[in-house]
Amino acid sequence: MAKPAQKPCAQAAFHVDHNTALGRWDVVDHDGRVVAHRHSQGEAVAVAIAEAQHVHGQGDDVFVCVEQPDGHYVVAWSS
């Protein structure tokens, strides 16, 4: 008998990526689209959290992850 499909830990995620070439922070959705950009990391994180809260309000579990200087990501917010 096959195992039932497991529910993913989140249906959506937003990443705050440091775009060094353009000197800004990009807010990227789970489909890879840049939905916003800010020159301040803090402002970009705030936008990402607002977007995530909107998606969460529609019933999805969401994470916001922020790129660190060494290239890995840390969770900044989760539903």
PDB file of N, CA and C in Angstrom:
ATOM      1  N   MET A   1       0.837  -1.171   0.000  1.00  0.00           N
ATOM      2  CA  MET A   1       0.000   0.000   0.000  1.00  0.00           C
ATOM      3  C   MET A   1       0.889   1.244   0.000  1.00  0.00           C
ATOM      4  N   ALA A   2       0.571   2.184  -0.856  1.00  0.00           N
ATOM      5  CA  ALA A   2       1.365   3.410  -0.979  1.00  0.00           C
ATOM      6  C   ALA A   2       1.099   4.336   0.207  1.00  0.00           C
ATOM      7  N   LYS A   3       2.140   5.062   0.584  1.00  0.00           N
ATOM      8  CA  LYS A   3       1.989   6.037   1.660  1.00  0.00           C
ATOM      9  C   LYS A   3       1.155   7.211   1.156  1.00  0.00           C
ATOM     10  N   PRO A   4       0.322   7.766   2.011  1.00  0.00           N
ATOM     11  CA  PRO A   4      -0.433   8.950   1.577  1.00  0.00           C
ATOM     12  C   PRO A   4       0.522  10.122   1.363  1.00  0.00           C
ATOM     13  N   ALA A   5       0.163  10.972   0.444  1.00  0.00           N
ATOM     14  CA  ALA A   5       0.993  12.145   0.162  1.00  0.00           C
ATOM     15  C   ALA A   5       1.056  13.020   1.403  1.00  0.00           C
ATOM     16  N   GLN A   6       2.249  13.469   1.713  1.00  0.00           N
ATOM     17  CA  GLN A   6       2.416  14.333   2.873  1.00  0.00           C
ATOM     18  C   GLN A   6       2.170  15.778   2.485  1.00  0.00           C
ATOM     19  N   LYS A   7       1.579  16.509   3.393  1.00  0.00           N
ATOM     20  CA  LYS A   7       1.353  17.931   3.185  1.00  0.00           C
ATOM     21  C   LYS A   7       2.698  18.646   3.330  1.00  0.00           C
ATOM     22  N   PRO A   8       3.042  19.526   2.405  1.00  0.00           N
ATOM     23  CA  PRO A   8       4.301  20.265   2.550  1.00  0.00           C
ATOM     24  C   PRO A   8       4.242  21.155   3.785  1.00  0.00           C
ATOM     25  N   CYS A   9       5.410  21.509   4.312  1.00  0.00           N
ATOM     26  CA  CYS A   9       5.432  22.352   5.513  1.00  0.00           C
ATOM     27  C   CYS A   9       4.911  23.754   5.212  1.00  0.00           C
ATOM     28  N   ALA A  10       4.942  24.161   3.961  1.00  0.00           N
ATOM     29  CA  ALA A  10       4.389  25.460   3.564  1.00  0.00           C
ATOM     30  C   ALA A  10       3.974  25.393   2.109  1.00  0.00           C
ATOM     31  N   GLN A  11       2.877  26.048   1.800  1.00  0.00           N
ATOM     32  CA  GLN A  11       2.425  26.099   0.409  1.00  0.00           C
ATOM     33  C   GLN A  11       3.055  27.263  -0.348  1.00  0.00           C
ATOM     34  N   ALA A  12       3.612  28.204   0.385  1.00  0.00           N
ATOM     35  CA  ALA A  12       4.196  29.388  -0.257  1.00  0.00           C
ATOM     36  C   ALA A  12       5.392  29.870   0.548  1.00  0.00           C
ATOM     37  N   ALA A  13       6.255  30.600  -0.133  1.00  0.00           N
ATOM     38  CA  ALA A  13       7.420  31.186   0.535  1.00  0.00           C
ATOM     39  C   ALA A  13       7.798  32.467  -0.188  1.00  0.00           C
ATOM     40  N   PHE A  14       8.327  33.388   0.568  1.00  0.00           N
ATOM     41  CA  PHE A  14       8.890  34.602   0.006  1.00  0.00           C
ATOM     42  C   PHE A  14      10.338  34.671   0.460  1.00  0.00           C
ATOM     43  N   HIS A  15      11.213  35.016  -0.470  1.00  0.00           N
ATOM     44  CA  HIS A  15      12.628  35.162  -0.164  1.00  0.00           C
ATOM     45  C   HIS A  15      13.017  36.620  -0.333  1.00  0.00           C
ATOM     46  N   VAL A  16      13.873  37.077   0.558  1.00  0.00           N
ATOM     47  CA  VAL A  16      14.466  38.406   0.425  1.00  0.00           C
ATOM     48  C   VAL A  16      15.904  38.157  -0.010  1.00  0.00           C
ATOM     49  N   ASP A  17      16.162  38.446  -1.276  1.00  0.00           N
ATOM     50  CA  ASP A  17      17.464  38.171  -1.891  1.00  0.00           C
ATOM     51  C   ASP A  17      18.261  39.460  -2.060  1.00  0.00           C
ATOM     52  N   HIS A  18      19.551  39.393  -1.747  1.00  0.00           N
ATOM     53  CA  HIS A  18      20.411  40.558  -1.941  1.00  0.00           C
ATOM     54  C   HIS A  18      20.873  40.599  -3.400  1.00  0.00           C
ATOM     55  N   ASN A  19      20.433  41.600  -4.110  1.00  0.00           N
ATOM     56  CA  ASN A  19      20.803  41.790  -5.511  1.00  0.00           C
ATOM     57  C   ASN A  19      21.979  42.768  -5.536  1.00  0.00           C
ATOM     58  N   THR A  20      23.178  42.217  -5.421  1.00  0.00           N
ATOM     59  CA  THR A  20      24.368  43.070  -5.319  1.00  0.00           C
ATOM     60  C   THR A  20      24.611  43.859  -6.599  1.00  0.00           C
ATOM     61  N   ALA A  21      24.257  43.302  -7.747  1.00  0.00           N
ATOM     62  CA  ALA A  21      24.488  43.988  -9.022  1.00  0.00           C
ATOM     63  C   ALA A  21      23.703  45.295  -9.099  1.00  0.00           C
ATOM     64  N   LEU A  22      22.505  45.306  -8.511  1.00  0.00           N
ATOM     65  CA  LEU A  22      21.668  46.506  -8.563  1.00  0.00           C
ATOM     66  C   LEU A  22      21.640  47.254  -7.232  1.00  0.00           C
ATOM     67  N   GLY A  23      22.332  46.739  -6.230  1.00  0.00           N
ATOM     68  CA  GLY A  23      22.398  47.404  -4.941  1.00  0.00           C
ATOM     69  C   GLY A  23      21.079  47.486  -4.217  1.00  0.00           C
ATOM     70  N   ARG A  24      20.317  46.404  -4.262  1.00  0.00           N
ATOM     71  CA  ARG A  24      19.004  46.416  -3.622  1.00  0.00           C
ATOM     72  C   ARG A  24      18.676  45.030  -3.080  1.00  0.00           C
ATOM     73  N   TRP A  25      17.562  44.941  -2.363  1.00  0.00           N
ATOM     74  CA  TRP A  25      17.035  43.689  -1.841  1.00  0.00           C
ATOM     75  C   TRP A  25      15.747  43.382  -2.593  1.00  0.00           C
ATOM     76  N   ASP A  26      15.672  42.200  -3.201  1.00  0.00           N
ATOM     77  CA  ASP A  26      14.487  41.793  -3.960  1.00  0.00           C
ATOM     78  C   ASP A  26      13.612  40.876  -3.120  1.00  0.00           C
ATOM     79  N   VAL A  27      12.304  41.104  -3.168  1.00  0.00           N
ATOM     80  CA  VAL A  27      11.329  40.222  -2.549  1.00  0.00           C
ATOM     81  C   VAL A  27      10.823  39.306  -3.664  1.00  0.00           C
ATOM     82  N   VAL A  28      11.088  38.009  -3.513  1.00  0.00           N
ATOM     83  CA  VAL A  28      10.801  37.030  -4.559  1.00  0.00           C
ATOM     84  C   VAL A  28       9.746  36.060  -4.046  1.00  0.00           C
ATOM     85  N   ASP A  29       8.700  35.828  -4.842  1.00  0.00           N
ATOM     86  CA  ASP A  29       7.646  34.906  -4.407  1.00  0.00           C
ATOM     87  C   ASP A  29       8.006  33.465  -4.725  1.00  0.00           C
ATOM     88  N   HIS A  30       7.121  32.547  -4.361  1.00  0.00           N
ATOM     89  CA  HIS A  30       7.378  31.113  -4.526  1.00  0.00           C
ATOM     90  C   HIS A  30       7.440  30.679  -5.986  1.00  0.00           C
ATOM     91  N   ASP A  31       7.006  31.531  -6.903  1.00  0.00           N
ATOM     92  CA  ASP A  31       7.101  31.228  -8.338  1.00  0.00           C
ATOM     93  C   ASP A  31       8.345  31.848  -8.969  1.00  0.00           C
ATOM     94  N   GLY A  32       9.169  32.518  -8.164  1.00  0.00           N
ATOM     95  CA  GLY A  32      10.397  33.115  -8.673  1.00  0.00           C
ATOM     96  C   GLY A  32      10.242  34.521  -9.221  1.00  0.00           C
ATOM     97  N   ARG A  33       9.077  35.117  -9.030  1.00  0.00           N
ATOM     98  CA  ARG A  33       8.843  36.480  -9.525  1.00  0.00           C
ATOM     99  C   ARG A  33       9.278  37.506  -8.480  1.00  0.00           C
ATOM    100  N   VAL A  34       9.946  38.546  -8.920  1.00  0.00           N
ATOM    101  CA  VAL A  34      10.278  39.651  -8.029  1.00  0.00           C
ATOM    102  C   VAL A  34       9.012  40.486  -7.867  1.00  0.00           C
ATOM    103  N   VAL A  35       8.479  40.509  -6.646  1.00  0.00           N
ATOM    104  CA  VAL A  35       7.232  41.232  -6.398  1.00  0.00           C
ATOM    105  C   VAL A  35       7.486  42.628  -5.848  1.00  0.00           C
ATOM    106  N   ALA A  36       8.709  42.877  -5.373  1.00  0.00           N
ATOM    107  CA  ALA A  36       9.074  44.209  -4.873  1.00  0.00           C
ATOM    108  C   ALA A  36      10.583  44.254  -4.693  1.00  0.00           C
ATOM    109  N   HIS A  37      11.099  45.443  -4.568  1.00  0.00           N
ATOM    110  CA  HIS A  37      12.505  45.605  -4.214  1.00  0.00           C
ATOM    111  C   HIS A  37      12.665  46.890  -3.407  1.00  0.00           C
ATOM    112  N   ARG A  38      13.616  46.839  -2.493  1.00  0.00           N
ATOM    113  CA  ARG A  38      13.901  47.977  -1.626  1.00  0.00           C
ATOM    114  C   ARG A  38      15.413  48.100  -1.477  1.00  0.00           C
ATOM    115  N   HIS A  39      15.868  49.287  -1.144  1.00  0.00           N
ATOM    116  CA  HIS A  39      17.299  49.493  -0.944  1.00  0.00           C
ATOM    117  C   HIS A  39      17.736  49.107   0.463  1.00  0.00           C
ATOM    118  N   SER A  40      16.788  48.966   1.370  1.00  0.00           N
ATOM    119  CA  SER A  40      17.072  48.569   2.741  1.00  0.00           C
ATOM    120  C   SER A  40      16.596  47.140   2.971  1.00  0.00           C
ATOM    121  N   GLN A  41      17.430  46.326   3.605  1.00  0.00           N
ATOM    122  CA  GLN A  41      17.032  44.957   3.916  1.00  0.00           C
ATOM    123  C   GLN A  41      15.801  44.948   4.817  1.00  0.00           C
ATOM    124  N   GLY A  42      15.783  45.802   5.819  1.00  0.00           N
ATOM    125  CA  GLY A  42      14.650  45.850   6.745  1.00  0.00           C
ATOM    126  C   GLY A  42      13.340  46.176   6.053  1.00  0.00           C
ATOM    127  N   GLU A  43      13.376  47.121   5.123  1.00  0.00           N
ATOM    128  CA  GLU A  43      12.165  47.467   4.373  1.00  0.00           C
ATOM    129  C   GLU A  43      11.722  46.306   3.494  1.00  0.00           C
ATOM    130  N   ALA A  44      12.667  45.608   2.887  1.00  0.00           N
ATOM    131  CA  ALA A  44      12.329  44.457   2.042  1.00  0.00           C
ATOM    132  C   ALA A  44      11.718  43.340   2.876  1.00  0.00           C
ATOM    133  N   VAL A  45      12.249  43.115   4.072  1.00  0.00           N
ATOM    134  CA  VAL A  45      11.685  42.091   4.953  1.00  0.00           C
ATOM    135  C   VAL A  45      10.261  42.473   5.344  1.00  0.00           C
ATOM    136  N   ALA A  46      10.027  43.744   5.646  1.00  0.00           N
ATOM    137  CA  ALA A  46       8.678  44.194   6.008  1.00  0.00           C
ATOM    138  C   ALA A  46       7.693  43.965   4.864  1.00  0.00           C
ATOM    139  N   VAL A  47       8.113  44.243   3.636  1.00  0.00           N
ATOM    140  CA  VAL A  47       7.254  44.007   2.470  1.00  0.00           C
ATOM    141  C   VAL A  47       6.982  42.513   2.314  1.00  0.00           C
ATOM    142  N   ALA A  48       8.014  41.692   2.461  1.00  0.00           N
ATOM    143  CA  ALA A  48       7.854  40.243   2.326  1.00  0.00           C
ATOM    144  C   ALA A  48       6.893  39.692   3.371  1.00  0.00           C
ATOM    145  N   ILE A  49       6.999  40.178   4.603  1.00  0.00           N
ATOM    146  CA  ILE A  49       6.097  39.718   5.657  1.00  0.00           C
ATOM    147  C   ILE A  49       4.666  40.143   5.367  1.00  0.00           C
ATOM    148  N   ALA A  50       4.473  41.363   4.887  1.00  0.00           N
ATOM    149  CA  ALA A  50       3.123  41.822   4.534  1.00  0.00           C
ATOM    150  C   ALA A  50       2.535  40.957   3.423  1.00  0.00           C
ATOM    151  N   GLU A  51       3.337  40.634   2.411  1.00  0.00           N
ATOM    152  CA  GLU A  51       2.879  39.756   1.328  1.00  0.00           C
ATOM    153  C   GLU A  51       2.533  38.368   1.877  1.00  0.00           C
ATOM    154  N   ALA A  52       3.383  37.851   2.754  1.00  0.00           N
ATOM    155  CA  ALA A  52       3.162  36.526   3.327  1.00  0.00           C
ATOM    156  C   ALA A  52       1.898  36.499   4.181  1.00  0.00           C
ATOM    157  N   GLN A  53       1.668  37.547   4.943  1.00  0.00           N
ATOM    158  CA  GLN A  53       0.465  37.606   5.763  1.00  0.00           C
ATOM    159  C   GLN A  53      -0.786  37.633   4.897  1.00  0.00           C
ATOM    160  N   HIS A  54      -0.709  38.317   3.750  1.00  0.00           N
ATOM    161  CA  HIS A  54      -1.836  38.332   2.821  1.00  0.00           C
ATOM    162  C   HIS A  54      -2.119  36.926   2.299  1.00  0.00           C
ATOM    163  N   VAL A  55      -1.079  36.220   1.887  1.00  0.00           N
ATOM    164  CA  VAL A  55      -1.238  34.848   1.382  1.00  0.00           C
ATOM    165  C   VAL A  55      -1.743  33.935   2.501  1.00  0.00           C
ATOM    166  N   HIS A  56      -1.219  34.115   3.698  1.00  0.00           N
ATOM    167  CA  HIS A  56      -1.661  33.310   4.839  1.00  0.00           C
ATOM    168  C   HIS A  56      -3.145  33.544   5.119  1.00  0.00           C
ATOM    169  N   GLY A  57      -3.595  34.772   4.939  1.00  0.00           N
ATOM    170  CA  GLY A  57      -5.007  35.094   5.131  1.00  0.00           C
ATOM    171  C   GLY A  57      -5.922  34.348   4.175  1.00  0.00           C
ATOM    172  N   GLN A  58      -5.362  33.859   3.077  1.00  0.00           N
ATOM    173  CA  GLN A  58      -6.127  33.072   2.116  1.00  0.00           C
ATOM    174  C   GLN A  58      -6.081  31.577   2.442  1.00  0.00           C
ATOM    175  N   GLY A  59      -5.400  31.236   3.550  1.00  0.00           N
ATOM    176  CA  GLY A  59      -5.412  29.854   4.012  1.00  0.00           C
ATOM    177  C   GLY A  59      -4.140  29.058   3.805  1.00  0.00           C
ATOM    178  N   ASP A  60      -3.112  29.638   3.209  1.00  0.00           N
ATOM    179  CA  ASP A  60      -1.863  28.909   2.972  1.00  0.00           C
ATOM    180  C   ASP A  60      -0.879  29.125   4.115  1.00  0.00           C
ATOM    181  N   ASP A  61      -0.033  28.127   4.346  1.00  0.00           N
ATOM    182  CA  ASP A  61       1.097  28.280   5.251  1.00  0.00           C
ATOM    183  C   ASP A  61       2.227  28.929   4.472  1.00  0.00           C
ATOM    184  N   VAL A  62       2.921  29.865   5.095  1.00  0.00           N
ATOM    185  CA  VAL A  62       3.911  30.678   4.383  1.00  0.00           C
ATOM    186  C   VAL A  62       5.151  30.883   5.241  1.00  0.00           C
ATOM    187  N   PHE A  63       6.298  30.950   4.578  1.00  0.00           N
ATOM    188  CA  PHE A  63       7.565  31.298   5.200  1.00  0.00           C
ATOM    189  C   PHE A  63       8.141  32.525   4.520  1.00  0.00           C
ATOM    190  N   VAL A  64       8.893  33.331   5.276  1.00  0.00           N
ATOM    191  CA  VAL A  64       9.709  34.408   4.719  1.00  0.00           C
ATOM    192  C   VAL A  64      11.140  34.098   5.124  1.00  0.00           C
ATOM    193  N   CYS A  65      12.022  34.004   4.141  1.00  0.00           N
ATOM    194  CA  CYS A  65      13.433  33.712   4.389  1.00  0.00           C
ATOM    195  C   CYS A  65      14.288  34.853   3.853  1.00  0.00           C
ATOM    196  N   VAL A  66      15.372  35.149   4.575  1.00  0.00           N
ATOM    197  CA  VAL A  66      16.245  36.268   4.207  1.00  0.00           C
ATOM    198  C   VAL A  66      17.642  35.743   3.922  1.00  0.00           C
ATOM    199  N   GLU A  67      18.184  36.153   2.774  1.00  0.00           N
ATOM    200  CA  GLU A  67      19.543  35.757   2.393  1.00  0.00           C
ATOM    201  C   GLU A  67      20.558  36.406   3.331  1.00  0.00           C
ATOM    202  N   GLN A  68      21.522  35.595   3.761  1.00  0.00           N
ATOM    203  CA  GLN A  68      22.587  36.053   4.642  1.00  0.00           C
ATOM    204  C   GLN A  68      23.851  36.332   3.830  1.00  0.00           C
ATOM    205  N   PRO A  69      24.819  37.050   4.395  1.00  0.00           N
ATOM    206  CA  PRO A  69      26.044  37.382   3.653  1.00  0.00           C
ATOM    207  C   PRO A  69      26.778  36.164   3.088  1.00  0.00           C
ATOM    208  N   ASP A  70      26.672  35.014   3.748  1.00  0.00           N
ATOM    209  CA  ASP A  70      27.368  33.825   3.251  1.00  0.00           C
ATOM    210  C   ASP A  70      26.533  33.025   2.246  1.00  0.00           C
ATOM    211  N   GLY A  71      25.334  33.532   1.908  1.00  0.00           N
ATOM    212  CA  GLY A  71      24.508  32.891   0.886  1.00  0.00           C
ATOM    213  C   GLY A  71      23.423  31.966   1.395  1.00  0.00           C
ATOM    214  N   HIS A  72      23.442  31.605   2.674  1.00  0.00           N
ATOM    215  CA  HIS A  72      22.355  30.758   3.166  1.00  0.00           C
ATOM    216  C   HIS A  72      21.198  31.650   3.614  1.00  0.00           C
ATOM    217  N   TYR A  73      20.072  31.028   3.929  1.00  0.00           N
ATOM    218  CA  TYR A  73      18.863  31.766   4.287  1.00  0.00           C
ATOM    219  C   TYR A  73      18.456  31.447   5.722  1.00  0.00           C
ATOM    220  N   VAL A  74      17.874  32.426   6.379  1.00  0.00           N
ATOM    221  CA  VAL A  74      17.286  32.227   7.705  1.00  0.00           C
ATOM    222  C   VAL A  74      15.826  32.636   7.640  1.00  0.00           C
ATOM    223  N   VAL A  75      15.011  31.966   8.438  1.00  0.00           N
ATOM    224  CA  VAL A  75      13.588  32.258   8.481  1.00  0.00           C
ATOM    225  C   VAL A  75      13.382  33.543   9.276  1.00  0.00           C
ATOM    226  N   ALA A  76      12.669  34.484   8.672  1.00  0.00           N
ATOM    227  CA  ALA A  76      12.360  35.756   9.333  1.00  0.00           C
ATOM    228  C   ALA A  76      10.932  35.770   9.865  1.00  0.00           C
ATOM    229  N   TRP A  77      10.065  34.958   9.265  1.00  0.00           N
ATOM    230  CA  TRP A  77       8.656  34.907   9.674  1.00  0.00           C
ATOM    231  C   TRP A  77       8.044  33.639   9.116  1.00  0.00           C
ATOM    232  N   SER A  78       7.138  33.059   9.865  1.00  0.00           N
ATOM    233  CA  SER A  78       6.381  31.909   9.351  1.00  0.00           C
ATOM    234  C   SER A  78       4.988  31.943   9.939  1.00  0.00           C
ATOM    235  N   SER A  79       4.048  31.400   9.184  1.00  0.00           N
ATOM    236  CA  SER A  79       2.667  31.385   9.654  1.00  0.00           C
ATOM    237  C   SER A  79       2.404  30.188  10.540  1.00  0.00           C
TER     238      SER A  79
END
